[in-house]
């Protein structure tokens, strides 16, 4: 089979499309998927450079070559001995969190709790744009912040960085739950985010959101301090100073601290840093979200797509042999939706 491999960490030039790789064999609780499309997420760029290696290397049987990629849409090619809900030829989608099951390849073995049947109205390219961003937000809201749909009704939500993949999804999701939404983006994406449900779009090149917004209930920060200076302080400054307010971020020092100090010393130090931040901004609730797979979240996404609540937003499509260009495009930070990888027929 073909696959995009990494044989060392580095820039996008380290990504190589290789032929003649061994087709993986599904375990009893896995489905072998022939991948039709995958996508590029910011996490893929970070993994390529070595982010999280203290964790991900322990999950891999062989450190290199490594096939990355999480999102997938494709067809079932083979099923494990304990699988009964799928048959060969079924169109499926999902997101792999298994470090040994990267999806930038012709075939990938997917754990049964990370896959479900693809919505029939989506083609593979559009389907590959949604599972990671949806489950990222699902995990952030439900698992880490502990918020239910009824907790979000009529809440004022600020999304820092609304035009990327996670932003485009989360605007639609929060709007479907009855929220009032403000977000930041560049001027070219203002009409896009408003069409998705944003009530207010602030051009970050012209205005400072913290000077224009106040009395918000939730800040969902998709950029963090490594993109925006003092992001936590700015986001928390627009929130109500109550125990019902929530700051949720995807970009925090947890994994990098473990990479720098090792798991034994890094994990407790990261927890210490989080506790310091919680105390500093109390009574606002501070949540550091880490992706966790959720079959119920994926099934909920399928329903939201089928009833028209959520629509995929694609920035650009690259052939798998041009994955280096796809990574460069994603790395600009100026995308409108998702960067998609089209696989060989």
C-alpha atoms as a PDB file:
ATOM      1  CA  UNK A   1       0.000   0.000   0.000  1.00  0.00           C
ATOM      2  CA  UNK A   2       1.019   3.651  -0.198  1.00  0.00           C
ATOM      3  CA  UNK A   3       1.379   5.924   2.811  1.00  0.00           C
ATOM      4  CA  UNK A   4       2.868   9.247   3.827  1.00  0.00           C
ATOM      5  CA  UNK A   5       5.689   8.481   6.235  1.00  0.00           C
ATOM      6  CA  UNK A   6       7.889  10.378   8.642  1.00  0.00           C
ATOM      7  CA  UNK A   7      11.321   8.887   9.258  1.00  0.00           C
ATOM      8  CA  UNK A   8      12.495  11.810  11.394  1.00  0.00           C
ATOM      9  CA  UNK A   9      10.901  14.874  12.959  1.00  0.00           C
ATOM     10  CA  UNK A  10      11.135  18.169  11.108  1.00  0.00           C
ATOM     11  CA  UNK A  11       9.446  20.421   8.572  1.00  0.00           C
ATOM     12  CA  UNK A  12       7.061  19.342   5.812  1.00  0.00           C
ATOM     13  CA  UNK A  13       9.988  18.153   3.653  1.00  0.00           C
ATOM     14  CA  UNK A  14      10.252  15.148   6.002  1.00  0.00           C
ATOM     15  CA  UNK A  15       6.898  13.846   4.746  1.00  0.00           C
ATOM     16  CA  UNK A  16       7.409  11.233   2.034  1.00  0.00           C
ATOM     17  CA  UNK A  17       4.836   9.322   0.002  1.00  0.00           C
ATOM     18  CA  UNK A  18       6.061   5.718  -0.045  1.00  0.00           C
ATOM     19  CA  UNK A  19       4.784   2.705  -1.977  1.00  0.00           C
ATOM     20  CA  UNK A  20       5.070  -0.946  -1.035  1.00  0.00           C
ATOM     21  CA  UNK A  21       4.179  -0.572   2.630  1.00  0.00           C
ATOM     22  CA  UNK A  22       2.589  -3.541   4.379  1.00  0.00           C
ATOM     23  CA  UNK A  23      -1.194  -3.441   4.670  1.00  0.00           C
ATOM     24  CA  UNK A  24      -2.027  -3.581   8.404  1.00  0.00           C
ATOM     25  CA  UNK A  25      -4.126  -6.441   9.753  1.00  0.00           C
ATOM     26  CA  UNK A  26      -7.106  -5.469  11.896  1.00  0.00           C
ATOM     27  CA  UNK A  27      -7.236  -6.736  15.466  1.00  0.00           C
ATOM     28  CA  UNK A  28     -10.436  -8.340  16.712  1.00  0.00           C
ATOM     29  CA  UNK A  29     -11.909  -4.963  17.688  1.00  0.00           C
ATOM     30  CA  UNK A  30     -10.749  -3.042  14.606  1.00  0.00           C
ATOM     31  CA  UNK A  31     -11.971  -2.246  11.104  1.00  0.00           C
ATOM     32  CA  UNK A  32      -9.587  -2.028   8.150  1.00  0.00           C
ATOM     33  CA  UNK A  33     -10.591   1.044   6.148  1.00  0.00           C
ATOM     34  CA  UNK A  34      -9.574   1.864   2.590  1.00  0.00           C
ATOM     35  CA  UNK A  35      -9.154   5.605   3.027  1.00  0.00           C
ATOM     36  CA  UNK A  36     -10.639   7.886   0.361  1.00  0.00           C
ATOM     37  CA  UNK A  37      -9.874  11.193   2.090  1.00  0.00           C
ATOM     38  CA  UNK A  38      -8.178  12.502   5.209  1.00  0.00           C
ATOM     39  CA  UNK A  39      -7.436  16.006   6.489  1.00  0.00           C
ATOM     40  CA  UNK A  40      -4.691  18.138   7.991  1.00  0.00           C
ATOM     41  CA  UNK A  41      -5.174  19.357  11.549  1.00  0.00           C
ATOM     42  CA  UNK A  42      -2.866  21.730  13.462  1.00  0.00           C
ATOM     43  CA  UNK A  43      -1.954  18.786  15.686  1.00  0.00           C
ATOM     44  CA  UNK A  44      -0.511  16.968  12.641  1.00  0.00           C
ATOM     45  CA  UNK A  45       1.926  19.820  12.033  1.00  0.00           C
ATOM     46  CA  UNK A  46       2.959  19.741  15.680  1.00  0.00           C
ATOM     47  CA  UNK A  47       3.385  15.944  15.720  1.00  0.00           C
ATOM     48  CA  UNK A  48       5.545  16.171  12.602  1.00  0.00           C
ATOM     49  CA  UNK A  49       7.900  18.467  14.501  1.00  0.00           C
ATOM     50  CA  UNK A  50       8.077  16.169  17.539  1.00  0.00           C
ATOM     51  CA  UNK A  51       5.294  17.546  19.726  1.00  0.00           C
ATOM     52  CA  UNK A  52       4.047  14.924  22.170  1.00  0.00           C
ATOM     53  CA  UNK A  53       6.823  12.461  21.353  1.00  0.00           C
ATOM     54  CA  UNK A  54       7.202  11.536  25.016  1.00  0.00           C
ATOM     55  CA  UNK A  55       3.632  10.204  24.825  1.00  0.00           C
ATOM     56  CA  UNK A  56       3.165   9.143  21.200  1.00  0.00           C
ATOM     57  CA  UNK A  57       6.442   7.238  20.913  1.00  0.00           C
ATOM     58  CA  UNK A  58       5.399   5.018  23.825  1.00  0.00           C
ATOM     59  CA  UNK A  59       2.215   4.151  21.932  1.00  0.00           C
ATOM     60  CA  UNK A  60       3.994   3.030  18.771  1.00  0.00           C
ATOM     61  CA  UNK A  61       5.523  -0.392  18.236  1.00  0.00           C
ATOM     62  CA  UNK A  62       8.136   1.209  15.948  1.00  0.00           C
ATOM     63  CA  UNK A  63       9.050   4.864  16.379  1.00  0.00           C
ATOM     64  CA  UNK A  64       9.753   5.286  12.652  1.00  0.00           C
ATOM     65  CA  UNK A  65       8.536   5.152   9.983  1.00  0.00           C
ATOM     66  CA  UNK A  66       5.430   6.887  11.336  1.00  0.00           C
ATOM     67  CA  UNK A  67       2.234   7.567   9.424  1.00  0.00           C
ATOM     68  CA  UNK A  68       0.318  10.500  10.897  1.00  0.00           C
ATOM     69  CA  UNK A  69      -3.195  11.769  10.155  1.00  0.00           C
ATOM     70  CA  UNK A  70      -6.392  11.398  12.194  1.00  0.00           C
ATOM     71  CA  UNK A  71      -9.538  12.158  10.183  1.00  0.00           C
ATOM     72  CA  UNK A  72     -10.698   9.652   7.593  1.00  0.00           C
ATOM     73  CA  UNK A  73     -13.559   8.834   5.287  1.00  0.00           C
ATOM     74  CA  UNK A  74     -13.558   5.651   3.264  1.00  0.00           C
ATOM     75  CA  UNK A  75     -14.925   2.123   2.883  1.00  0.00           C
ATOM     76  CA  UNK A  76     -14.631  -0.990   4.998  1.00  0.00           C
ATOM     77  CA  UNK A  77     -12.088  -3.391   3.481  1.00  0.00           C
ATOM     78  CA  UNK A  78     -11.880  -5.986   6.274  1.00  0.00           C
ATOM     79  CA  UNK A  79     -13.376  -6.454   9.730  1.00  0.00           C
ATOM     80  CA  UNK A  80     -11.977  -7.898  12.950  1.00  0.00           C
ATOM     81  CA  UNK A  81     -13.376 -11.102  14.430  1.00  0.00           C
ATOM     82  CA  UNK A  82     -15.443  -9.278  17.076  1.00  0.00           C
ATOM     83  CA  UNK A  83     -17.031  -6.771  14.701  1.00  0.00           C
ATOM     84  CA  UNK A  84     -20.695  -7.215  13.794  1.00  0.00           C
ATOM     85  CA  UNK A  85     -21.985  -3.694  13.065  1.00  0.00           C
ATOM     86  CA  UNK A  86     -20.043  -3.221   9.802  1.00  0.00           C
ATOM     87  CA  UNK A  87     -19.688  -5.171   6.591  1.00  0.00           C
ATOM     88  CA  UNK A  88     -17.188  -4.973   3.758  1.00  0.00           C
ATOM     89  CA  UNK A  89     -18.043  -2.093   1.436  1.00  0.00           C
ATOM     90  CA  UNK A  90     -19.748   0.086   4.055  1.00  0.00           C
ATOM     91  CA  UNK A  91     -18.935   3.783   3.769  1.00  0.00           C
ATOM     92  CA  UNK A  92     -17.539   4.964   7.107  1.00  0.00           C
ATOM     93  CA  UNK A  93     -15.948   7.972   8.759  1.00  0.00           C
ATOM     94  CA  UNK A  94     -14.244   8.881  12.004  1.00  0.00           C
ATOM     95  CA  UNK A  95     -11.034   9.982  13.649  1.00  0.00           C
ATOM     96  CA  UNK A  96      -8.182   7.757  14.800  1.00  0.00           C
ATOM     97  CA  UNK A  97      -6.392   8.567  18.058  1.00  0.00           C
ATOM     98  CA  UNK A  98      -4.254   5.434  17.759  1.00  0.00           C
ATOM     99  CA  UNK A  99      -0.637   6.522  17.205  1.00  0.00           C
ATOM    100  CA  UNK A 100      -0.069   3.367  15.109  1.00  0.00           C
ATOM    101  CA  UNK A 101      -3.073   3.976  12.835  1.00  0.00           C
ATOM    102  CA  UNK A 102      -2.341   7.137  10.879  1.00  0.00           C
ATOM    103  CA  UNK A 103      -4.826   7.900   8.131  1.00  0.00           C
ATOM    104  CA  UNK A 104      -2.553   9.493   5.493  1.00  0.00           C
ATOM    105  CA  UNK A 105      -2.319   6.056   3.895  1.00  0.00           C
ATOM    106  CA  UNK A 106      -4.202   3.762   1.553  1.00  0.00           C
ATOM    107  CA  UNK A 107      -5.401   1.634   4.480  1.00  0.00           C
ATOM    108  CA  UNK A 108      -5.724   2.199   8.218  1.00  0.00           C
ATOM    109  CA  UNK A 109      -6.893  -0.031  11.078  1.00  0.00           C
ATOM    110  CA  UNK A 110      -9.455   1.869  13.113  1.00  0.00           C
ATOM    111  CA  UNK A 111     -10.637   0.948  16.616  1.00  0.00           C
ATOM    112  CA  UNK A 112     -14.357   0.182  16.668  1.00  0.00           C
ATOM    113  CA  UNK A 113     -15.122   3.029  19.094  1.00  0.00           C
ATOM    114  CA  UNK A 114     -13.681   5.589  16.645  1.00  0.00           C
ATOM    115  CA  UNK A 115     -15.730   4.785  13.554  1.00  0.00           C
ATOM    116  CA  UNK A 116     -19.324   4.856  12.399  1.00  0.00           C
ATOM    117  CA  UNK A 117     -21.305   4.920   9.166  1.00  0.00           C
ATOM    118  CA  UNK A 118     -20.771   8.050   7.070  1.00  0.00           C
ATOM    119  CA  UNK A 119     -23.735  10.368   6.472  1.00  0.00           C
ATOM    120  CA  UNK A 120     -24.964   9.474   2.997  1.00  0.00           C
ATOM    121  CA  UNK A 121     -25.313  13.094   1.856  1.00  0.00           C
ATOM    122  CA  UNK A 122     -21.600  13.826   2.312  1.00  0.00           C
ATOM    123  CA  UNK A 123     -18.950  12.783  -0.180  1.00  0.00           C
ATOM    124  CA  UNK A 124     -15.662  11.520   1.220  1.00  0.00           C
ATOM    125  CA  UNK A 125     -13.857  14.860   0.859  1.00  0.00           C
ATOM    126  CA  UNK A 126     -16.435  16.752   2.902  1.00  0.00           C
ATOM    127  CA  UNK A 127     -16.804  13.923   5.397  1.00  0.00           C
ATOM    128  CA  UNK A 128     -13.066  13.926   6.144  1.00  0.00           C
ATOM    129  CA  UNK A 129     -13.272  17.563   7.270  1.00  0.00           C
ATOM    130  CA  UNK A 130     -15.443  17.041  10.342  1.00  0.00           C
ATOM    131  CA  UNK A 131     -14.687  14.186  12.794  1.00  0.00           C
ATOM    132  CA  UNK A 132     -11.590  15.621  14.518  1.00  0.00           C
ATOM    133  CA  UNK A 133     -12.864  19.174  14.883  1.00  0.00           C
ATOM    134  CA  UNK A 134     -16.259  17.971  16.061  1.00  0.00           C
ATOM    135  CA  UNK A 135     -14.906  15.574  18.654  1.00  0.00           C
ATOM    136  CA  UNK A 136     -12.340  18.139  19.778  1.00  0.00           C
ATOM    137  CA  UNK A 137     -15.146  20.564  20.610  1.00  0.00           C
ATOM    138  CA  UNK A 138     -17.382  17.809  21.977  1.00  0.00           C
ATOM    139  CA  UNK A 139     -14.562  16.738  24.286  1.00  0.00           C
ATOM    140  CA  UNK A 140     -13.849  20.319  25.367  1.00  0.00           C
ATOM    141  CA  UNK A 141     -17.464  21.160  26.203  1.00  0.00           C
ATOM    142  CA  UNK A 142     -18.829  17.871  27.542  1.00  0.00           C
ATOM    143  CA  UNK A 143     -15.851  16.054  29.032  1.00  0.00           C
ATOM    144  CA  UNK A 144     -13.635  18.839  30.334  1.00  0.00           C
ATOM    145  CA  UNK A 145     -16.019  21.721  30.999  1.00  0.00           C
ATOM    146  CA  UNK A 146     -18.891  19.444  32.022  1.00  0.00           C
ATOM    147  CA  UNK A 147     -21.447  21.492  30.108  1.00  0.00           C
ATOM    148  CA  UNK A 148     -24.628  19.947  28.724  1.00  0.00           C
ATOM    149  CA  UNK A 149     -26.765  21.357  25.892  1.00  0.00           C
ATOM    150  CA  UNK A 150     -29.281  22.695  28.411  1.00  0.00           C
ATOM    151  CA  UNK A 151     -26.453  24.520  30.216  1.00  0.00           C
ATOM    152  CA  UNK A 152     -25.613  26.442  27.039  1.00  0.00           C
ATOM    153  CA  UNK A 153     -29.007  27.780  26.036  1.00  0.00           C
ATOM    154  CA  UNK A 154     -28.980  31.588  25.689  1.00  0.00           C
ATOM    155  CA  UNK A 155     -25.356  31.798  26.887  1.00  0.00           C
ATOM    156  CA  UNK A 156     -22.985  34.365  25.430  1.00  0.00           C
ATOM    157  CA  UNK A 157     -20.042  32.521  23.865  1.00  0.00           C
ATOM    158  CA  UNK A 158     -16.807  34.006  22.552  1.00  0.00           C
ATOM    159  CA  UNK A 159     -14.742  31.916  20.121  1.00  0.00           C
ATOM    160  CA  UNK A 160     -11.154  33.074  19.701  1.00  0.00           C
ATOM    161  CA  UNK A 161     -10.247  32.194  16.087  1.00  0.00           C
ATOM    162  CA  UNK A 162     -13.518  31.349  14.366  1.00  0.00           C
ATOM    163  CA  UNK A 163     -12.506  30.719  10.748  1.00  0.00           C
ATOM    164  CA  UNK A 164     -10.420  27.561  11.117  1.00  0.00           C
ATOM    165  CA  UNK A 165     -11.727  24.020  11.140  1.00  0.00           C
ATOM    166  CA  UNK A 166     -12.616  23.868  14.845  1.00  0.00           C
ATOM    167  CA  UNK A 167     -13.961  27.419  14.740  1.00  0.00           C
ATOM    168  CA  UNK A 168     -16.282  26.810  11.791  1.00  0.00           C
ATOM    169  CA  UNK A 169     -17.683  23.736  13.488  1.00  0.00           C
ATOM    170  CA  UNK A 170     -18.028  25.230  16.957  1.00  0.00           C
ATOM    171  CA  UNK A 171     -19.875  28.343  15.698  1.00  0.00           C
ATOM    172  CA  UNK A 172     -22.488  26.061  14.146  1.00  0.00           C
ATOM    173  CA  UNK A 173     -22.703  23.825  17.208  1.00  0.00           C
ATOM    174  CA  UNK A 174     -23.063  26.652  19.748  1.00  0.00           C
ATOM    175  CA  UNK A 175     -25.632  28.379  17.522  1.00  0.00           C
ATOM    176  CA  UNK A 176     -27.687  25.156  17.356  1.00  0.00           C
ATOM    177  CA  UNK A 177     -27.770  25.202  21.170  1.00  0.00           C
ATOM    178  CA  UNK A 178     -29.238  28.704  21.279  1.00  0.00           C
ATOM    179  CA  UNK A 179     -26.090  30.683  22.095  1.00  0.00           C
ATOM    180  CA  UNK A 180     -25.205  34.262  21.217  1.00  0.00           C
ATOM    181  CA  UNK A 181     -21.803  34.108  19.528  1.00  0.00           C
ATOM    182  CA  UNK A 182     -18.942  36.517  19.003  1.00  0.00           C
ATOM    183  CA  UNK A 183     -15.725  35.507  17.274  1.00  0.00           C
ATOM    184  CA  UNK A 184     -12.475  36.858  15.864  1.00  0.00           C
ATOM    185  CA  UNK A 185     -11.268  36.375  12.299  1.00  0.00           C
ATOM    186  CA  UNK A 186      -9.671  38.300   9.448  1.00  0.00           C
ATOM    187  CA  UNK A 187     -11.744  40.642   7.305  1.00  0.00           C
ATOM    188  CA  UNK A 188     -11.982  38.109   4.460  1.00  0.00           C
ATOM    189  CA  UNK A 189     -13.721  35.587   6.731  1.00  0.00           C
ATOM    190  CA  UNK A 190     -16.289  37.868   8.361  1.00  0.00           C
ATOM    191  CA  UNK A 191     -19.084  36.884   5.971  1.00  0.00           C
ATOM    192  CA  UNK A 192     -18.204  33.200   6.359  1.00  0.00           C
ATOM    193  CA  UNK A 193     -18.419  33.146  10.159  1.00  0.00           C
ATOM    194  CA  UNK A 194     -21.626  35.183  10.121  1.00  0.00           C
ATOM    195  CA  UNK A 195     -23.158  32.762   7.626  1.00  0.00           C
ATOM    196  CA  UNK A 196     -22.369  29.953  10.063  1.00  0.00           C
ATOM    197  CA  UNK A 197     -24.133  31.696  12.939  1.00  0.00           C
ATOM    198  CA  UNK A 198     -21.784  34.235  14.503  1.00  0.00           C
ATOM    199  CA  UNK A 199     -23.736  37.252  15.749  1.00  0.00           C
ATOM    200  CA  UNK A 200     -20.624  39.394  15.946  1.00  0.00           C
ATOM    201  CA  UNK A 201     -17.360  39.061  14.023  1.00  0.00           C
ATOM    202  CA  UNK A 202     -14.346  41.132  15.060  1.00  0.00           C
ATOM    203  CA  UNK A 203     -11.493  41.694  12.605  1.00  0.00           C
ATOM    204  CA  UNK A 204      -8.438  41.021  14.761  1.00  0.00           C
ATOM    205  CA  UNK A 205      -6.290  43.217  12.483  1.00  0.00           C
ATOM    206  CA  UNK A 206      -8.407  46.265  13.247  1.00  0.00           C
ATOM    207  CA  UNK A 207      -9.830  45.803  16.747  1.00  0.00           C
ATOM    208  CA  UNK A 208      -9.030  44.256  20.115  1.00  0.00           C
ATOM    209  CA  UNK A 209     -11.875  41.989  21.145  1.00  0.00           C
ATOM    210  CA  UNK A 210     -11.191  42.560  24.852  1.00  0.00           C
ATOM    211  CA  UNK A 211     -12.011  46.241  24.376  1.00  0.00           C
ATOM    212  CA  UNK A 212     -15.306  45.535  22.615  1.00  0.00           C
ATOM    213  CA  UNK A 213     -16.845  42.588  24.480  1.00  0.00           C
ATOM    214  CA  UNK A 214     -18.029  42.118  28.046  1.00  0.00           C
ATOM    215  CA  UNK A 215     -20.270  39.959  30.233  1.00  0.00           C
ATOM    216  CA  UNK A 216     -19.698  36.731  28.306  1.00  0.00           C
ATOM    217  CA  UNK A 217     -20.359  33.325  29.849  1.00  0.00           C
ATOM    218  CA  UNK A 218     -17.898  31.168  27.903  1.00  0.00           C
ATOM    219  CA  UNK A 219     -14.630  31.819  26.107  1.00  0.00           C
ATOM    220  CA  UNK A 220     -13.517  29.014  23.780  1.00  0.00           C
ATOM    221  CA  UNK A 221      -9.900  29.864  22.960  1.00  0.00           C
ATOM    222  CA  UNK A 222      -8.591  28.138  19.819  1.00  0.00           C
ATOM    223  CA  UNK A 223      -5.370  30.169  19.581  1.00  0.00           C
ATOM    224  CA  UNK A 224      -3.779  30.419  23.018  1.00  0.00           C
ATOM    225  CA  UNK A 225      -0.669  32.288  24.111  1.00  0.00           C
ATOM    226  CA  UNK A 226       1.576  30.844  21.390  1.00  0.00           C
ATOM    227  CA  UNK A 227      -0.512  32.685  18.768  1.00  0.00           C
ATOM    228  CA  UNK A 228      -2.005  35.576  20.709  1.00  0.00           C
ATOM    229  CA  UNK A 229      -0.101  37.376  23.488  1.00  0.00           C
ATOM    230  CA  UNK A 230      -1.773  37.139  26.910  1.00  0.00           C
ATOM    231  CA  UNK A 231      -4.674  35.163  25.424  1.00  0.00           C
ATOM    232  CA  UNK A 232      -5.874  33.797  28.771  1.00  0.00           C
ATOM    233  CA  UNK A 233      -5.937  37.213  30.438  1.00  0.00           C
ATOM    234  CA  UNK A 234      -7.708  38.821  27.489  1.00  0.00           C
ATOM    235  CA  UNK A 235     -10.336  36.078  27.206  1.00  0.00           C
ATOM    236  CA  UNK A 236     -11.015  36.017  30.945  1.00  0.00           C
ATOM    237  CA  UNK A 237     -11.329  39.817  31.017  1.00  0.00           C
ATOM    238  CA  UNK A 238     -14.521  39.633  28.942  1.00  0.00           C
ATOM    239  CA  UNK A 239     -16.141  36.931  31.089  1.00  0.00           C
ATOM    240  CA  UNK A 240     -18.527  37.476  33.963  1.00  0.00           C
ATOM    241  CA  UNK A 241     -16.602  37.078  37.211  1.00  0.00           C
ATOM    242  CA  UNK A 242     -18.788  34.245  38.479  1.00  0.00           C
ATOM    243  CA  UNK A 243     -18.513  30.510  39.077  1.00  0.00           C
ATOM    244  CA  UNK A 244     -20.792  29.975  36.070  1.00  0.00           C
ATOM    245  CA  UNK A 245     -18.196  31.370  33.652  1.00  0.00           C
ATOM    246  CA  UNK A 246     -15.862  29.095  31.705  1.00  0.00           C
ATOM    247  CA  UNK A 247     -12.570  29.606  29.862  1.00  0.00           C
ATOM    248  CA  UNK A 248     -11.818  26.572  27.687  1.00  0.00           C
ATOM    249  CA  UNK A 249      -8.584  26.279  25.724  1.00  0.00           C
ATOM    250  CA  UNK A 250      -7.106  23.705  23.351  1.00  0.00           C
ATOM    251  CA  UNK A 251      -3.652  25.323  23.439  1.00  0.00           C
ATOM    252  CA  UNK A 252      -2.004  25.006  26.828  1.00  0.00           C
ATOM    253  CA  UNK A 253       1.397  23.836  28.173  1.00  0.00           C
ATOM    254  CA  UNK A 254       0.391  20.353  29.370  1.00  0.00           C
ATOM    255  CA  UNK A 255       1.972  18.223  26.618  1.00  0.00           C
ATOM    256  CA  UNK A 256       4.945  20.533  26.023  1.00  0.00           C
ATOM    257  CA  UNK A 257       5.750  20.436  29.739  1.00  0.00           C
ATOM    258  CA  UNK A 258       5.794  16.637  29.614  1.00  0.00           C
ATOM    259  CA  UNK A 259       7.984  16.744  26.496  1.00  0.00           C
ATOM    260  CA  UNK A 260      10.454  19.086  28.216  1.00  0.00           C
ATOM    261  CA  UNK A 261      10.584  17.446  31.632  1.00  0.00           C
ATOM    262  CA  UNK A 262       9.569  13.849  30.903  1.00  0.00           C
ATOM    263  CA  UNK A 263       6.365  12.180  32.087  1.00  0.00           C
ATOM    264  CA  UNK A 264       7.545  11.573  35.662  1.00  0.00           C
ATOM    265  CA  UNK A 265       8.385  15.226  36.373  1.00  0.00           C
ATOM    266  CA  UNK A 266       6.379  16.890  33.611  1.00  0.00           C
ATOM    267  CA  UNK A 267       2.886  15.674  34.491  1.00  0.00           C
ATOM    268  CA  UNK A 268       2.888  16.970  38.087  1.00  0.00           C
ATOM    269  CA  UNK A 269       4.504  20.244  36.982  1.00  0.00           C
ATOM    270  CA  UNK A 270       1.849  20.736  34.297  1.00  0.00           C
ATOM    271  CA  UNK A 271      -0.875  20.099  36.866  1.00  0.00           C
ATOM    272  CA  UNK A 272       0.818  22.637  39.145  1.00  0.00           C
ATOM    273  CA  UNK A 273       0.808  25.232  36.343  1.00  0.00           C
ATOM    274  CA  UNK A 274      -2.862  24.576  35.697  1.00  0.00           C
ATOM    275  CA  UNK A 275      -3.661  24.996  39.385  1.00  0.00           C
ATOM    276  CA  UNK A 276      -1.829  28.323  39.443  1.00  0.00           C
ATOM    277  CA  UNK A 277      -3.929  29.500  36.511  1.00  0.00           C
ATOM    278  CA  UNK A 278      -7.135  28.304  38.143  1.00  0.00           C
ATOM    279  CA  UNK A 279      -6.331  30.260  41.304  1.00  0.00           C
ATOM    280  CA  UNK A 280      -5.351  33.383  39.377  1.00  0.00           C
ATOM    281  CA  UNK A 281      -8.652  33.639  37.510  1.00  0.00           C
ATOM    282  CA  UNK A 282     -11.021  32.265  40.148  1.00  0.00           C
ATOM    283  CA  UNK A 283     -14.047  32.177  40.296  1.00  0.00           C
ATOM    284  CA  UNK A 284     -13.938  31.691  36.495  1.00  0.00           C
ATOM    285  CA  UNK A 285     -13.571  28.003  35.643  1.00  0.00           C
ATOM    286  CA  UNK A 286     -10.366  27.243  33.701  1.00  0.00           C
ATOM    287  CA  UNK A 287     -10.346  24.130  31.497  1.00  0.00           C
ATOM    288  CA  UNK A 288      -7.368  22.701  29.608  1.00  0.00           C
ATOM    289  CA  UNK A 289      -8.936  20.441  27.005  1.00  0.00           C
ATOM    290  CA  UNK A 290      -7.169  17.380  25.606  1.00  0.00           C
ATOM    291  CA  UNK A 291      -8.682  15.413  22.727  1.00  0.00           C
ATOM    292  CA  UNK A 292     -10.478  12.241  23.717  1.00  0.00           C
ATOM    293  CA  UNK A 293     -12.296   9.975  21.256  1.00  0.00           C
ATOM    294  CA  UNK A 294     -16.032   9.627  21.758  1.00  0.00           C
ATOM    295  CA  UNK A 295     -18.237   7.257  19.785  1.00  0.00           C
ATOM    296  CA  UNK A 296     -21.319   8.994  21.162  1.00  0.00           C
ATOM    297  CA  UNK A 297     -19.866  12.311  19.976  1.00  0.00           C
ATOM    298  CA  UNK A 298     -19.257  10.879  16.502  1.00  0.00           C
ATOM    299  CA  UNK A 299     -22.777   9.474  16.366  1.00  0.00           C
ATOM    300  CA  UNK A 300     -24.172  12.834  17.495  1.00  0.00           C
ATOM    301  CA  UNK A 301     -22.152  14.519  14.726  1.00  0.00           C
ATOM    302  CA  UNK A 302     -23.684  12.120  12.190  1.00  0.00           C
ATOM    303  CA  UNK A 303     -27.170  13.159  13.317  1.00  0.00           C
ATOM    304  CA  UNK A 304     -26.286  16.869  13.210  1.00  0.00           C
ATOM    305  CA  UNK A 305     -25.027  16.509   9.635  1.00  0.00           C
ATOM    306  CA  UNK A 306     -28.031  14.452   8.568  1.00  0.00           C
ATOM    307  CA  UNK A 307     -30.521  17.017   9.878  1.00  0.00           C
ATOM    308  CA  UNK A 308     -28.619  19.917   8.315  1.00  0.00           C
ATOM    309  CA  UNK A 309     -27.485  21.538  11.574  1.00  0.00           C
ATOM    310  CA  UNK A 310     -23.795  21.156  10.697  1.00  0.00           C
ATOM    311  CA  UNK A 311     -22.247  21.650   7.281  1.00  0.00           C
ATOM    312  CA  UNK A 312     -18.586  21.015   6.421  1.00  0.00           C
ATOM    313  CA  UNK A 313     -16.388  23.929   5.371  1.00  0.00           C
ATOM    314  CA  UNK A 314     -13.418  23.138   3.126  1.00  0.00           C
ATOM    315  CA  UNK A 315     -10.602  25.585   2.523  1.00  0.00           C
ATOM    316  CA  UNK A 316      -8.665  23.576  -0.050  1.00  0.00           C
ATOM    317  CA  UNK A 317      -8.063  20.044  -1.362  1.00  0.00           C
ATOM    318  CA  UNK A 318      -4.632  18.544  -2.092  1.00  0.00           C
ATOM    319  CA  UNK A 319      -3.681  15.232  -3.647  1.00  0.00           C
ATOM    320  CA  UNK A 320      -1.900  12.951  -1.211  1.00  0.00           C
ATOM    321  CA  UNK A 321       1.342  13.281  -3.166  1.00  0.00           C
ATOM    322  CA  UNK A 322       1.182  17.035  -2.435  1.00  0.00           C
ATOM    323  CA  UNK A 323       0.844  16.646   1.327  1.00  0.00           C
ATOM    324  CA  UNK A 324       3.881  18.871   1.916  1.00  0.00           C
ATOM    325  CA  UNK A 325       2.020  21.729   0.218  1.00  0.00           C
ATOM    326  CA  UNK A 326      -1.044  20.930   2.324  1.00  0.00           C
ATOM    327  CA  UNK A 327       1.009  21.229   5.515  1.00  0.00           C
ATOM    328  CA  UNK A 328       2.459  24.539   4.347  1.00  0.00           C
ATOM    329  CA  UNK A 329      -1.039  25.832   3.628  1.00  0.00           C
ATOM    330  CA  UNK A 330      -2.313  24.775   7.059  1.00  0.00           C
ATOM    331  CA  UNK A 331       0.746  26.279   8.738  1.00  0.00           C
ATOM    332  CA  UNK A 332      -0.078  29.771   7.462  1.00  0.00           C
ATOM    333  CA  UNK A 333      -2.891  29.971  10.002  1.00  0.00           C
ATOM    334  CA  UNK A 334      -4.974  31.751   7.355  1.00  0.00           C
ATOM    335  CA  UNK A 335      -7.398  29.043   6.320  1.00  0.00           C
ATOM    336  CA  UNK A 336     -11.175  29.125   6.012  1.00  0.00           C
ATOM    337  CA  UNK A 337     -12.290  25.707   7.177  1.00  0.00           C
ATOM    338  CA  UNK A 338     -10.270  22.530   6.640  1.00  0.00           C
ATOM    339  CA  UNK A 339      -7.381  21.446   4.415  1.00  0.00           C
ATOM    340  CA  UNK A 340      -8.320  18.091   2.855  1.00  0.00           C
ATOM    341  CA  UNK A 341      -6.174  15.285   1.450  1.00  0.00           C
ATOM    342  CA  UNK A 342      -7.627  13.364  -1.507  1.00  0.00           C
ATOM    343  CA  UNK A 343      -6.291   9.818  -1.768  1.00  0.00           C
ATOM    344  CA  UNK A 344      -5.709   7.723  -4.859  1.00  0.00           C
ATOM    345  CA  UNK A 345      -8.768   6.011  -6.259  1.00  0.00           C
END
